[in-house]
Amino acid sequence: MKNIWIVGIGIVIIVFGYLFYLWINIPGAYDDFAKCLTNNGAVMYGTDWCHVCKDQKALFGKSFDYVNYKNCDASKSECDAAGVSGYPTWRINGTNYVGLQSLEKLASLTDCSL
């Protein structure tokens, strides 16, 4: 009986491990778009405590890892130099866009396709 429990627990661990492996290796829905934004020089400035910044990040899901993001709590001087006056701020082609931006608007500002 003890061996059955050990085998059962082992199977559960293997299944969850495999599902976790799949989850971390599945590309995000907007990976190519986020990479294009970064390649075109777009930068998002924000903070960890900003709720609208969290909403902006959530629009990208896993793909936010590819966005050029500057945390203004950690890089205040860089944010000041970029003229950041509110969060989030997107800096695209030398112009700042303050507040939550739709993916469609970001696409139109950068010629990146969704």
PDB file of N, CA and C in Angstrom:
ATOM      1  N   MET A   1       0.821  -1.189   0.000  1.00  0.00           N
ATOM      2  CA  MET A   1       0.000   0.000   0.000  1.00  0.00           C
ATOM      3  C   MET A   1       0.869   1.258   0.000  1.00  0.00           C
ATOM      4  N   LYS A   2       1.946   1.225   0.766  1.00  0.00           N
ATOM      5  CA  LYS A   2       2.860   2.363   0.831  1.00  0.00           C
ATOM      6  C   LYS A   2       3.493   2.617  -0.538  1.00  0.00           C
ATOM      7  N   ASN A   3       3.812   1.559  -1.260  1.00  0.00           N
ATOM      8  CA  ASN A   3       4.419   1.710  -2.583  1.00  0.00           C
ATOM      9  C   ASN A   3       3.456   2.345  -3.580  1.00  0.00           C
ATOM     10  N   ILE A   4       2.167   2.035  -3.453  1.00  0.00           N
ATOM     11  CA  ILE A   4       1.173   2.622  -4.346  1.00  0.00           C
ATOM     12  C   ILE A   4       1.115   4.137  -4.137  1.00  0.00           C
ATOM     13  N   TRP A   5       1.160   4.568  -2.878  1.00  0.00           N
ATOM     14  CA  TRP A   5       1.163   5.997  -2.584  1.00  0.00           C
ATOM     15  C   TRP A   5       2.406   6.675  -3.157  1.00  0.00           C
ATOM     16  N   ILE A   6       3.529   6.056  -3.014  1.00  0.00           N
ATOM     17  CA  ILE A   6       4.786   6.632  -3.524  1.00  0.00           C
ATOM     18  C   ILE A   6       4.728   6.754  -5.042  1.00  0.00           C
ATOM     19  N   VAL A   7       4.254   5.719  -5.722  1.00  0.00           N
ATOM     20  CA  VAL A   7       4.135   5.756  -7.181  1.00  0.00           C
ATOM     21  C   VAL A   7       3.127   6.828  -7.592  1.00  0.00           C
ATOM     22  N   GLY A   8       1.993   6.908  -6.894  1.00  0.00           N
ATOM     23  CA  GLY A   8       0.973   7.913  -7.199  1.00  0.00           C
ATOM     24  C   GLY A   8       1.503   9.328  -7.048  1.00  0.00           C
ATOM     25  N   ILE A   9       2.211   9.583  -5.971  1.00  0.00           N
ATOM     26  CA  ILE A   9       2.797  10.905  -5.742  1.00  0.00           C
ATOM     27  C   ILE A   9       3.842  11.206  -6.813  1.00  0.00           C
ATOM     28  N   GLY A  10       4.613  10.204  -7.178  1.00  0.00           N
ATOM     29  CA  GLY A  10       5.615  10.381  -8.238  1.00  0.00           C
ATOM     30  C   GLY A  10       4.970  10.754  -9.561  1.00  0.00           C
ATOM     31  N   ILE A  11       3.871  10.099  -9.890  1.00  0.00           N
ATOM     32  CA  ILE A  11       3.166  10.402 -11.140  1.00  0.00           C
ATOM     33  C   ILE A  11       2.609  11.824 -11.105  1.00  0.00           C
ATOM     34  N   VAL A  12       2.028  12.212  -9.988  1.00  0.00           N
ATOM     35  CA  VAL A  12       1.491  13.576  -9.860  1.00  0.00           C
ATOM     36  C   VAL A  12       2.607  14.605 -10.036  1.00  0.00           C
ATOM     37  N   ILE A  13       3.741  14.378  -9.435  1.00  0.00           N
ATOM     38  CA  ILE A  13       4.877  15.307  -9.549  1.00  0.00           C
ATOM     39  C   ILE A  13       5.342  15.396 -10.996  1.00  0.00           C
ATOM     40  N   ILE A  14       5.427  14.260 -11.664  1.00  0.00           N
ATOM     41  CA  ILE A  14       5.867  14.255 -13.066  1.00  0.00           C
ATOM     42  C   ILE A  14       4.868  15.014 -13.946  1.00  0.00           C
ATOM     43  N   VAL A  15       3.579  14.778 -13.745  1.00  0.00           N
ATOM     44  CA  VAL A  15       2.558  15.455 -14.553  1.00  0.00           C
ATOM     45  C   VAL A  15       2.613  16.964 -14.326  1.00  0.00           C
ATOM     46  N   PHE A  16       2.655  17.394 -13.069  1.00  0.00           N
ATOM     47  CA  PHE A  16       2.721  18.826 -12.796  1.00  0.00           C
ATOM     48  C   PHE A  16       4.018  19.441 -13.315  1.00  0.00           C
ATOM     49  N   GLY A  17       5.108  18.713 -13.211  1.00  0.00           N
ATOM     50  CA  GLY A  17       6.378  19.195 -13.745  1.00  0.00           C
ATOM     51  C   GLY A  17       6.311  19.390 -15.252  1.00  0.00           C
ATOM     52  N   TYR A  18       5.706  18.438 -15.939  1.00  0.00           N
ATOM     53  CA  TYR A  18       5.567  18.532 -17.389  1.00  0.00           C
ATOM     54  C   TYR A  18       4.661  19.697 -17.777  1.00  0.00           C
ATOM     55  N   LEU A  19       3.550  19.875 -17.081  1.00  0.00           N
ATOM     56  CA  LEU A  19       2.649  20.989 -17.372  1.00  0.00           C
ATOM     57  C   LEU A  19       3.337  22.333 -17.124  1.00  0.00           C
ATOM     58  N   PHE A  20       4.120  22.422 -16.065  1.00  0.00           N
ATOM     59  CA  PHE A  20       4.869  23.646 -15.782  1.00  0.00           C
ATOM     60  C   PHE A  20       5.885  23.911 -16.885  1.00  0.00           C
ATOM     61  N   TYR A  21       6.579  22.868 -17.327  1.00  0.00           N
ATOM     62  CA  TYR A  21       7.549  22.989 -18.423  1.00  0.00           C
ATOM     63  C   TYR A  21       6.862  23.524 -19.680  1.00  0.00           C
ATOM     64  N   LEU A  22       5.701  22.976 -20.007  1.00  0.00           N
ATOM     65  CA  LEU A  22       4.955  23.444 -21.178  1.00  0.00           C
ATOM     66  C   LEU A  22       4.548  24.900 -21.015  1.00  0.00           C
ATOM     67  N   TRP A  23       4.063  25.255 -19.828  1.00  0.00           N
ATOM     68  CA  TRP A  23       3.595  26.611 -19.589  1.00  0.00           C
ATOM     69  C   TRP A  23       4.709  27.635 -19.769  1.00  0.00           C
ATOM     70  N   ILE A  24       5.901  27.374 -19.253  1.00  0.00           N
ATOM     71  CA  ILE A  24       6.977  28.363 -19.357  1.00  0.00           C
ATOM     72  C   ILE A  24       7.585  28.412 -20.752  1.00  0.00           C
ATOM     73  N   ASN A  25       7.367  27.388 -21.556  1.00  0.00           N
ATOM     74  CA  ASN A  25       7.961  27.358 -22.890  1.00  0.00           C
ATOM     75  C   ASN A  25       6.986  27.719 -24.007  1.00  0.00           C
ATOM     76  N   ILE A  26       5.728  27.922 -23.687  1.00  0.00           N
ATOM     77  CA  ILE A  26       4.774  28.357 -24.700  1.00  0.00           C
ATOM     78  C   ILE A  26       4.973  29.848 -24.914  1.00  0.00           C
ATOM     79  N   PRO A  27       5.164  30.263 -26.163  1.00  0.00           N
ATOM     80  CA  PRO A  27       5.365  31.693 -26.394  1.00  0.00           C
ATOM     81  C   PRO A  27       4.122  32.494 -26.038  1.00  0.00           C
ATOM     82  N   GLY A  28       4.347  33.749 -25.660  1.00  0.00           N
ATOM     83  CA  GLY A  28       3.240  34.641 -25.376  1.00  0.00           C
ATOM     84  C   GLY A  28       2.554  35.053 -26.671  1.00  0.00           C
ATOM     85  N   ALA A  29       1.330  35.493 -26.573  1.00  0.00           N
ATOM     86  CA  ALA A  29       0.543  35.848 -27.749  1.00  0.00           C
ATOM     87  C   ALA A  29       1.113  37.056 -28.498  1.00  0.00           C
ATOM     88  N   TYR A  30       1.845  37.910 -27.797  1.00  0.00           N
ATOM     89  CA  TYR A  30       2.342  39.142 -28.406  1.00  0.00           C
ATOM     90  C   TYR A  30       3.866  39.234 -28.400  1.00  0.00           C
ATOM     91  N   ASP A  31       4.545  38.099 -28.371  1.00  0.00           N
ATOM     92  CA  ASP A  31       6.016  38.104 -28.338  1.00  0.00           C
ATOM     93  C   ASP A  31       6.608  38.910 -29.494  1.00  0.00           C
ATOM     94  N   ASP A  32       6.182  38.619 -30.719  1.00  0.00           N
ATOM     95  CA  ASP A  32       6.743  39.319 -31.883  1.00  0.00           C
ATOM     96  C   ASP A  32       6.427  40.814 -31.834  1.00  0.00           C
ATOM     97  N   PHE A  33       5.228  41.154 -31.393  1.00  0.00           N
ATOM     98  CA  PHE A  33       4.844  42.560 -31.281  1.00  0.00           C
ATOM     99  C   PHE A  33       5.713  43.274 -30.246  1.00  0.00           C
ATOM    100  N   ALA A  34       5.887  42.670 -29.083  1.00  0.00           N
ATOM    101  CA  ALA A  34       6.699  43.280 -28.024  1.00  0.00           C
ATOM    102  C   ALA A  34       8.153  43.424 -28.469  1.00  0.00           C
ATOM    103  N   LYS A  35       8.666  42.438 -29.173  1.00  0.00           N
ATOM    104  CA  LYS A  35      10.041  42.522 -29.691  1.00  0.00           C
ATOM    105  C   LYS A  35      10.157  43.643 -30.709  1.00  0.00           C
ATOM    106  N   CYS A  36       9.137  43.799 -31.555  1.00  0.00           N
ATOM    107  CA  CYS A  36       9.140  44.876 -32.546  1.00  0.00           C
ATOM    108  C   CYS A  36       9.136  46.238 -31.860  1.00  0.00           C
ATOM    109  N   LEU A  37       8.310  46.400 -30.828  1.00  0.00           N
ATOM    110  CA  LEU A  37       8.298  47.661 -30.083  1.00  0.00           C
ATOM    111  C   LEU A  37       9.692  47.999 -29.576  1.00  0.00           C
ATOM    112  N   THR A  38      10.329  47.017 -28.967  1.00  0.00           N
ATOM    113  CA  THR A  38      11.671  47.229 -28.422  1.00  0.00           C
ATOM    114  C   THR A  38      12.670  47.532 -29.536  1.00  0.00           C
ATOM    115  N   ASN A  39      12.603  46.779 -30.634  1.00  0.00           N
ATOM    116  CA  ASN A  39      13.519  47.015 -31.756  1.00  0.00           C
ATOM    117  C   ASN A  39      13.315  48.389 -32.386  1.00  0.00           C
ATOM    118  N   ASN A  40      12.093  48.924 -32.275  1.00  0.00           N
ATOM    119  CA  ASN A  40      11.805  50.254 -32.821  1.00  0.00           C
ATOM    120  C   ASN A  40      12.047  51.371 -31.814  1.00  0.00           C
ATOM    121  N   GLY A  41      12.605  51.024 -30.652  1.00  0.00           N
ATOM    122  CA  GLY A  41      13.003  52.035 -29.684  1.00  0.00           C
ATOM    123  C   GLY A  41      11.941  52.465 -28.692  1.00  0.00           C
ATOM    124  N   ALA A  42      10.787  51.818 -28.695  1.00  0.00           N
ATOM    125  CA  ALA A  42       9.742  52.176 -27.733  1.00  0.00           C
ATOM    126  C   ALA A  42      10.161  51.744 -26.328  1.00  0.00           C
ATOM    127  N   VAL A  43       9.901  52.599 -25.361  1.00  0.00           N
ATOM    128  CA  VAL A  43      10.238  52.304 -23.970  1.00  0.00           C
ATOM    129  C   VAL A  43       9.015  52.616 -23.112  1.00  0.00           C
ATOM    130  N   MET A  44       8.710  51.715 -22.200  1.00  0.00           N
ATOM    131  CA  MET A  44       7.649  51.975 -21.226  1.00  0.00           C
ATOM    132  C   MET A  44       8.298  52.285 -19.890  1.00  0.00           C
ATOM    133  N   TYR A  45       7.912  53.417 -19.318  1.00  0.00           N
ATOM    134  CA  TYR A  45       8.377  53.823 -17.996  1.00  0.00           C
ATOM    135  C   TYR A  45       7.228  53.635 -17.017  1.00  0.00           C
ATOM    136  N   GLY A  46       7.527  53.056 -15.864  1.00  0.00           N
ATOM    137  CA  GLY A  46       6.494  52.832 -14.869  1.00  0.00           C
ATOM    138  C   GLY A  46       7.092  52.515 -13.516  1.00  0.00           C
ATOM    139  N   THR A  47       6.252  52.063 -12.607  1.00  0.00           N
ATOM    140  CA  THR A  47       6.685  51.665 -11.268  1.00  0.00           C
ATOM    141  C   THR A  47       5.951  50.393 -10.871  1.00  0.00           C
ATOM    142  N   ASP A  48       6.443  49.752  -9.840  1.00  0.00           N
ATOM    143  CA  ASP A  48       5.804  48.530  -9.355  1.00  0.00           C
ATOM    144  C   ASP A  48       4.488  48.822  -8.633  1.00  0.00           C
ATOM    145  N   TRP A  49       4.346  50.004  -8.061  1.00  0.00           N
ATOM    146  CA  TRP A  49       3.158  50.320  -7.282  1.00  0.00           C
ATOM    147  C   TRP A  49       2.033  50.929  -8.111  1.00  0.00           C
ATOM    148  N   CYS A  50       2.284  51.228  -9.353  1.00  0.00           N
ATOM    149  CA  CYS A  50       1.311  51.880 -10.234  1.00  0.00           C
ATOM    150  C   CYS A  50       0.301  50.855 -10.764  1.00  0.00           C
ATOM    151  N   HIS A  51      -0.976  51.050 -10.423  1.00  0.00           N
ATOM    152  CA  HIS A  51      -2.018  50.105 -10.848  1.00  0.00           C
ATOM    153  C   HIS A  51      -2.248  50.151 -12.358  1.00  0.00           C
ATOM    154  N   VAL A  52      -2.144  51.322 -12.955  1.00  0.00           N
ATOM    155  CA  VAL A  52      -2.332  51.427 -14.403  1.00  0.00           C
ATOM    156  C   VAL A  52      -1.168  50.754 -15.130  1.00  0.00           C
ATOM    157  N   CYS A  53       0.030  50.831 -14.546  1.00  0.00           N
ATOM    158  CA  CYS A  53       1.189  50.123 -15.121  1.00  0.00           C
ATOM    159  C   CYS A  53       0.936  48.618 -15.127  1.00  0.00           C
ATOM    160  N   LYS A  54       0.356  48.128 -14.042  1.00  0.00           N
ATOM    161  CA  LYS A  54       0.026  46.699 -13.973  1.00  0.00           C
ATOM    162  C   LYS A  54      -0.994  46.335 -15.039  1.00  0.00           C
ATOM    163  N   ASP A  55      -1.964  47.215 -15.277  1.00  0.00           N
ATOM    164  CA  ASP A  55      -2.948  46.973 -16.332  1.00  0.00           C
ATOM    165  C   ASP A  55      -2.275  46.961 -17.703  1.00  0.00           C
ATOM    166  N   GLN A  56      -1.334  47.879 -17.916  1.00  0.00           N
ATOM    167  CA  GLN A  56      -0.616  47.934 -19.191  1.00  0.00           C
ATOM    168  C   GLN A  56       0.178  46.653 -19.414  1.00  0.00           C
ATOM    169  N   LYS A  57       0.869  46.211 -18.383  1.00  0.00           N
ATOM    170  CA  LYS A  57       1.636  44.967 -18.480  1.00  0.00           C
ATOM    171  C   LYS A  57       0.726  43.783 -18.765  1.00  0.00           C
ATOM    172  N   ALA A  58      -0.450  43.783 -18.149  1.00  0.00           N
ATOM    173  CA  ALA A  58      -1.384  42.668 -18.317  1.00  0.00           C
ATOM    174  C   ALA A  58      -1.869  42.553 -19.761  1.00  0.00           C
ATOM    175  N   LEU A  59      -1.941  43.667 -20.493  1.00  0.00           N
ATOM    176  CA  LEU A  59      -2.349  43.600 -21.892  1.00  0.00           C
ATOM    177  C   LEU A  59      -1.390  42.741 -22.705  1.00  0.00           C
ATOM    178  N   PHE A  60      -0.118  42.730 -22.319  1.00  0.00           N
ATOM    179  CA  PHE A  60       0.892  41.953 -23.026  1.00  0.00           C
ATOM    180  C   PHE A  60       0.987  40.513 -22.520  1.00  0.00           C
ATOM    181  N   GLY A  61       0.538  40.267 -21.304  1.00  0.00           N
ATOM    182  CA  GLY A  61       0.681  38.935 -20.731  1.00  0.00           C
ATOM    183  C   GLY A  61       2.148  38.554 -20.619  1.00  0.00           C
ATOM    184  N   LYS A  62       2.452  37.295 -20.942  1.00  0.00           N
ATOM    185  CA  LYS A  62       3.837  36.806 -20.870  1.00  0.00           C
ATOM    186  C   LYS A  62       4.777  37.593 -21.770  1.00  0.00           C
ATOM    187  N   SER A  63       4.235  38.160 -22.815  1.00  0.00           N
ATOM    188  CA  SER A  63       5.053  38.865 -23.805  1.00  0.00           C
ATOM    189  C   SER A  63       5.675  40.146 -23.257  1.00  0.00           C
ATOM    190  N   PHE A  64       5.205  40.621 -22.099  1.00  0.00           N
ATOM    191  CA  PHE A  64       5.774  41.845 -21.535  1.00  0.00           C
ATOM    192  C   PHE A  64       7.272  41.686 -21.250  1.00  0.00           C
ATOM    193  N   ASP A  65       7.728  40.472 -21.099  1.00  0.00           N
ATOM    194  CA  ASP A  65       9.161  40.232 -20.874  1.00  0.00           C
ATOM    195  C   ASP A  65      10.017  40.818 -21.995  1.00  0.00           C
ATOM    196  N   TYR A  66       9.441  41.002 -23.175  1.00  0.00           N
ATOM    197  CA  TYR A  66      10.195  41.514 -24.324  1.00  0.00           C
ATOM    198  C   TYR A  66      10.072  43.019 -24.501  1.00  0.00           C
ATOM    199  N   VAL A  67       9.264  43.667 -23.679  1.00  0.00           N
ATOM    200  CA  VAL A  67       9.104  45.121 -23.753  1.00  0.00           C
ATOM    201  C   VAL A  67      10.280  45.780 -23.035  1.00  0.00           C
ATOM    202  N   ASN A  68      10.803  46.848 -23.629  1.00  0.00           N
ATOM    203  CA  ASN A  68      11.859  47.615 -22.980  1.00  0.00           C
ATOM    204  C   ASN A  68      11.189  48.445 -21.884  1.00  0.00           C
ATOM    205  N   TYR A  69      11.310  47.968 -20.647  1.00  0.00           N
ATOM    206  CA  TYR A  69      10.627  48.571 -19.505  1.00  0.00           C
ATOM    207  C   TYR A  69      11.645  49.147 -18.536  1.00  0.00           C
ATOM    208  N   LYS A  70      11.395  50.370 -18.128  1.00  0.00           N
ATOM    209  CA  LYS A  70      12.245  51.037 -17.138  1.00  0.00           C
ATOM    210  C   LYS A  70      11.428  51.288 -15.881  1.00  0.00           C
ATOM    211  N   ASN A  71      11.884  50.750 -14.770  1.00  0.00           N
ATOM    212  CA  ASN A  71      11.230  50.954 -13.485  1.00  0.00           C
ATOM    213  C   ASN A  71      11.744  52.266 -12.896  1.00  0.00           C
ATOM    214  N   CYS A  72      10.867  53.236 -12.787  1.00  0.00           N
ATOM    215  CA  CYS A  72      11.270  54.565 -12.333  1.00  0.00           C
ATOM    216  C   CYS A  72      11.620  54.617 -10.843  1.00  0.00           C
ATOM    217  N   ASP A  73      11.217  53.609 -10.083  1.00  0.00           N
ATOM    218  CA  ASP A  73      11.666  53.541  -8.692  1.00  0.00           C
ATOM    219  C   ASP A  73      13.152  53.198  -8.639  1.00  0.00           C
ATOM    220  N   ALA A  74      13.607  52.394  -9.579  1.00  0.00           N
ATOM    221  CA  ALA A  74      15.006  51.964  -9.610  1.00  0.00           C
ATOM    222  C   ALA A  74      15.869  52.883 -10.468  1.00  0.00           C
ATOM    223  N   SER A  75      15.273  53.567 -11.427  1.00  0.00           N
ATOM    224  CA  SER A  75      16.033  54.404 -12.376  1.00  0.00           C
ATOM    225  C   SER A  75      15.423  55.802 -12.474  1.00  0.00           C
ATOM    226  N   LYS A  76      15.289  56.476 -11.342  1.00  0.00           N
ATOM    227  CA  LYS A  76      14.627  57.781 -11.297  1.00  0.00           C
ATOM    228  C   LYS A  76      15.288  58.790 -12.223  1.00  0.00           C
ATOM    229  N   SER A  77      16.602  58.828 -12.236  1.00  0.00           N
ATOM    230  CA  SER A  77      17.289  59.821 -13.065  1.00  0.00           C
ATOM    231  C   SER A  77      17.039  59.565 -14.554  1.00  0.00           C
ATOM    232  N   GLU A  78      16.965  58.310 -14.941  1.00  0.00           N
ATOM    233  CA  GLU A  78      16.681  57.973 -16.340  1.00  0.00           C
ATOM    234  C   GLU A  78      15.262  58.411 -16.725  1.00  0.00           C
ATOM    235  N   CYS A  79      14.333  58.224 -15.812  1.00  0.00           N
ATOM    236  CA  CYS A  79      12.949  58.639 -16.059  1.00  0.00           C
ATOM    237  C   CYS A  79      12.842  60.153 -16.113  1.00  0.00           C
ATOM    238  N   ASP A  80      13.547  60.840 -15.233  1.00  0.00           N
ATOM    239  CA  ASP A  80      13.551  62.302 -15.247  1.00  0.00           C
ATOM    240  C   ASP A  80      14.132  62.823 -16.565  1.00  0.00           C
ATOM    241  N   ALA A  81      15.209  62.195 -17.011  1.00  0.00           N
ATOM    242  CA  ALA A  81      15.845  62.607 -18.264  1.00  0.00           C
ATOM    243  C   ALA A  81      14.926  62.389 -19.466  1.00  0.00           C
ATOM    244  N   ALA A  82      14.051  61.396 -19.388  1.00  0.00           N
ATOM    245  CA  ALA A  82      13.110  61.113 -20.479  1.00  0.00           C
ATOM    246  C   ALA A  82      11.860  61.991 -20.393  1.00  0.00           C
ATOM    247  N   GLY A  83      11.760  62.813 -19.354  1.00  0.00           N
ATOM    248  CA  GLY A  83      10.617  63.710 -19.206  1.00  0.00           C
ATOM    249  C   GLY A  83       9.349  63.021 -18.742  1.00  0.00           C
ATOM    250  N   VAL A  84       9.511  61.945 -17.993  1.00  0.00           N
ATOM    251  CA  VAL A  84       8.355  61.189 -17.502  1.00  0.00           C
ATOM    252  C   VAL A  84       7.651  62.001 -16.423  1.00  0.00           C
ATOM    253  N   SER A  85       6.343  62.257 -16.644  1.00  0.00           N
ATOM    254  CA  SER A  85       5.575  63.050 -15.688  1.00  0.00           C
ATOM    255  C   SER A  85       4.440  62.256 -15.045  1.00  0.00           C
ATOM    256  N   GLY A  86       4.195  61.043 -15.509  1.00  0.00           N
ATOM    257  CA  GLY A  86       3.144  60.183 -14.969  1.00  0.00           C
ATOM    258  C   GLY A  86       3.393  58.753 -15.402  1.00  0.00           C
ATOM    259  N   TYR A  87       2.655  57.858 -14.807  1.00  0.00           N
ATOM    260  CA  TYR A  87       2.880  56.439 -15.091  1.00  0.00           C
ATOM    261  C   TYR A  87       1.594  55.768 -15.563  1.00  0.00           C
ATOM    262  N   PRO A  88       1.702  54.866 -16.480  1.00  0.00           N
ATOM    263  CA  PRO A  88       2.883  54.580 -17.295  1.00  0.00           C
ATOM    264  C   PRO A  88       3.084  55.664 -18.346  1.00  0.00           C
ATOM    265  N   THR A  89       4.309  55.777 -18.817  1.00  0.00           N
ATOM    266  CA  THR A  89       4.632  56.645 -19.947  1.00  0.00           C
ATOM    267  C   THR A  89       5.353  55.808 -20.984  1.00  0.00           C
ATOM    268  N   TRP A  90       4.858  55.872 -22.196  1.00  0.00           N
ATOM    269  CA  TRP A  90       5.551  55.262 -23.334  1.00  0.00           C
ATOM    270  C   TRP A  90       6.315  56.360 -24.050  1.00  0.00           C
ATOM    271  N   ARG A  91       7.578  56.127 -24.330  1.00  0.00           N
ATOM    272  CA  ARG A  91       8.381  57.067 -25.126  1.00  0.00           C
ATOM    273  C   ARG A  91       8.628  56.402 -26.468  1.00  0.00           C
ATOM    274  N   ILE A  92       8.070  57.026 -27.499  1.00  0.00           N
ATOM    275  CA  ILE A  92       8.161  56.478 -28.854  1.00  0.00           C
ATOM    276  C   ILE A  92       8.560  57.600 -29.801  1.00  0.00           C
ATOM    277  N   ASN A  93       9.661  57.414 -30.488  1.00  0.00           N
ATOM    278  CA  ASN A  93      10.157  58.404 -31.453  1.00  0.00           C
ATOM    279  C   ASN A  93      10.263  59.798 -30.838  1.00  0.00           C
ATOM    280  N   GLY A  94      10.734  59.861 -29.587  1.00  0.00           N
ATOM    281  CA  GLY A  94      10.966  61.140 -28.929  1.00  0.00           C
ATOM    282  C   GLY A  94       9.737  61.794 -28.332  1.00  0.00           C
ATOM    283  N   THR A  95       8.581  61.155 -28.433  1.00  0.00           N
ATOM    284  CA  THR A  95       7.345  61.708 -27.887  1.00  0.00           C
ATOM    285  C   THR A  95       6.860  60.831 -26.741  1.00  0.00           C
ATOM    286  N   ASN A  96       6.390  61.480 -25.666  1.00  0.00           N
ATOM    287  CA  ASN A  96       5.855  60.743 -24.512  1.00  0.00           C
ATOM    288  C   ASN A  96       4.338  60.617 -24.620  1.00  0.00           C
ATOM    289  N   TYR A  97       3.849  59.422 -24.302  1.00  0.00           N
ATOM    290  CA  TYR A  97       2.420  59.127 -24.263  1.00  0.00           C
ATOM    291  C   TYR A  97       2.110  58.617 -22.856  1.00  0.00           C
ATOM    292  N   VAL A  98       1.401  59.430 -22.085  1.00  0.00           N
ATOM    293  CA  VAL A  98       1.144  59.124 -20.685  1.00  0.00           C
ATOM    294  C   VAL A  98      -0.182  58.385 -20.551  1.00  0.00           C
ATOM    295  N   GLY A  99      -0.185  57.362 -19.695  1.00  0.00           N
ATOM    296  CA  GLY A  99      -1.405  56.620 -19.413  1.00  0.00           C
ATOM    297  C   GLY A  99      -1.441  55.294 -20.153  1.00  0.00           C
ATOM    298  N   LEU A 100      -2.492  54.556 -19.896  1.00  0.00           N
ATOM    299  CA  LEU A 100      -2.689  53.248 -20.515  1.00  0.00           C
ATOM    300  C   LEU A 100      -2.867  53.413 -22.016  1.00  0.00           C
ATOM    301  N   GLN A 101      -2.070  52.695 -22.790  1.00  0.00           N
ATOM    302  CA  GLN A 101      -2.143  52.747 -24.252  1.00  0.00           C
ATOM    303  C   GLN A 101      -2.636  51.398 -24.769  1.00  0.00           C
ATOM    304  N   SER A 102      -3.550  51.423 -25.694  1.00  0.00           N
ATOM    305  CA  SER A 102      -4.013  50.164 -26.286  1.00  0.00           C
ATOM    306  C   SER A 102      -2.905  49.587 -27.154  1.00  0.00           C
ATOM    307  N   LEU A 103      -2.953  48.293 -27.341  1.00  0.00           N
ATOM    308  CA  LEU A 103      -1.964  47.652 -28.213  1.00  0.00           C
ATOM    309  C   LEU A 103      -2.104  48.178 -29.643  1.00  0.00           C
ATOM    310  N   GLU A 104      -3.326  48.465 -30.044  1.00  0.00           N
ATOM    311  CA  GLU A 104      -3.561  49.006 -31.382  1.00  0.00           C
ATOM    312  C   GLU A 104      -2.896  50.373 -31.555  1.00  0.00           C
ATOM    313  N   LYS A 105      -2.985  51.212 -30.534  1.00  0.00           N
ATOM    314  CA  LYS A 105      -2.340  52.525 -30.622  1.00  0.00           C
ATOM    315  C   LYS A 105      -0.827  52.381 -30.667  1.00  0.00           C
ATOM    316  N   LEU A 106      -0.290  51.500 -29.824  1.00  0.00           N
ATOM    317  CA  LEU A 106       1.158  51.271 -29.846  1.00  0.00           C
ATOM    318  C   LEU A 106       1.596  50.754 -31.212  1.00  0.00           C
ATOM    319  N   ALA A 107       0.792  49.911 -31.809  1.00  0.00           N
ATOM    320  CA  ALA A 107       1.106  49.375 -33.137  1.00  0.00           C
ATOM    321  C   ALA A 107       1.136  50.509 -34.164  1.00  0.00           C
ATOM    322  N   SER A 108       0.151  51.392 -34.093  1.00  0.00           N
ATOM    323  CA  SER A 108       0.104  52.483 -35.074  1.00  0.00           C
ATOM    324  C   SER A 108       1.239  53.477 -34.882  1.00  0.00           C
ATOM    325  N   LEU A 109       1.671  53.679 -33.652  1.00  0.00           N
ATOM    326  CA  LEU A 109       2.764  54.624 -33.386  1.00  0.00           C
ATOM    327  C   LEU A 109       4.134  54.086 -33.786  1.00  0.00           C
ATOM    328  N   THR A 110       4.247  52.766 -33.895  1.00  0.00           N
ATOM    329  CA  THR A 110       5.557  52.152 -34.155  1.00  0.00           C
ATOM    330  C   THR A 110       5.626  51.383 -35.462  1.00  0.00           C
ATOM    331  N   ASP A 111       4.528  51.291 -36.183  1.00  0.00           N
ATOM    332  CA  ASP A 111       4.461  50.477 -37.401  1.00  0.00           C
ATOM    333  C   ASP A 111       4.749  49.009 -37.121  1.00  0.00           C
ATOM    334  N   CYS A 112       4.475  48.574 -35.905  1.00  0.00           N
ATOM    335  CA  CYS A 112       4.585  47.151 -35.548  1.00  0.00           C
ATOM    336  C   CYS A 112       3.213  46.514 -35.724  1.00  0.00           C
ATOM    337  N   SER A 113       3.185  45.306 -36.249  1.00  0.00           N
ATOM    338  CA  SER A 113       1.890  44.654 -36.447  1.00  0.00           C
ATOM    339  C   SER A 113       1.564  43.747 -35.271  1.00  0.00           C
ATOM    340  N   LEU A 114       0.280  43.734 -34.943  1.00  0.00           N
ATOM    341  CA  LEU A 114      -0.203  42.882 -33.848  1.00  0.00           C
ATOM    342  C   LEU A 114      -0.357  41.454 -34.317  1.00  0.00           C
TER     343      LEU A 114
END
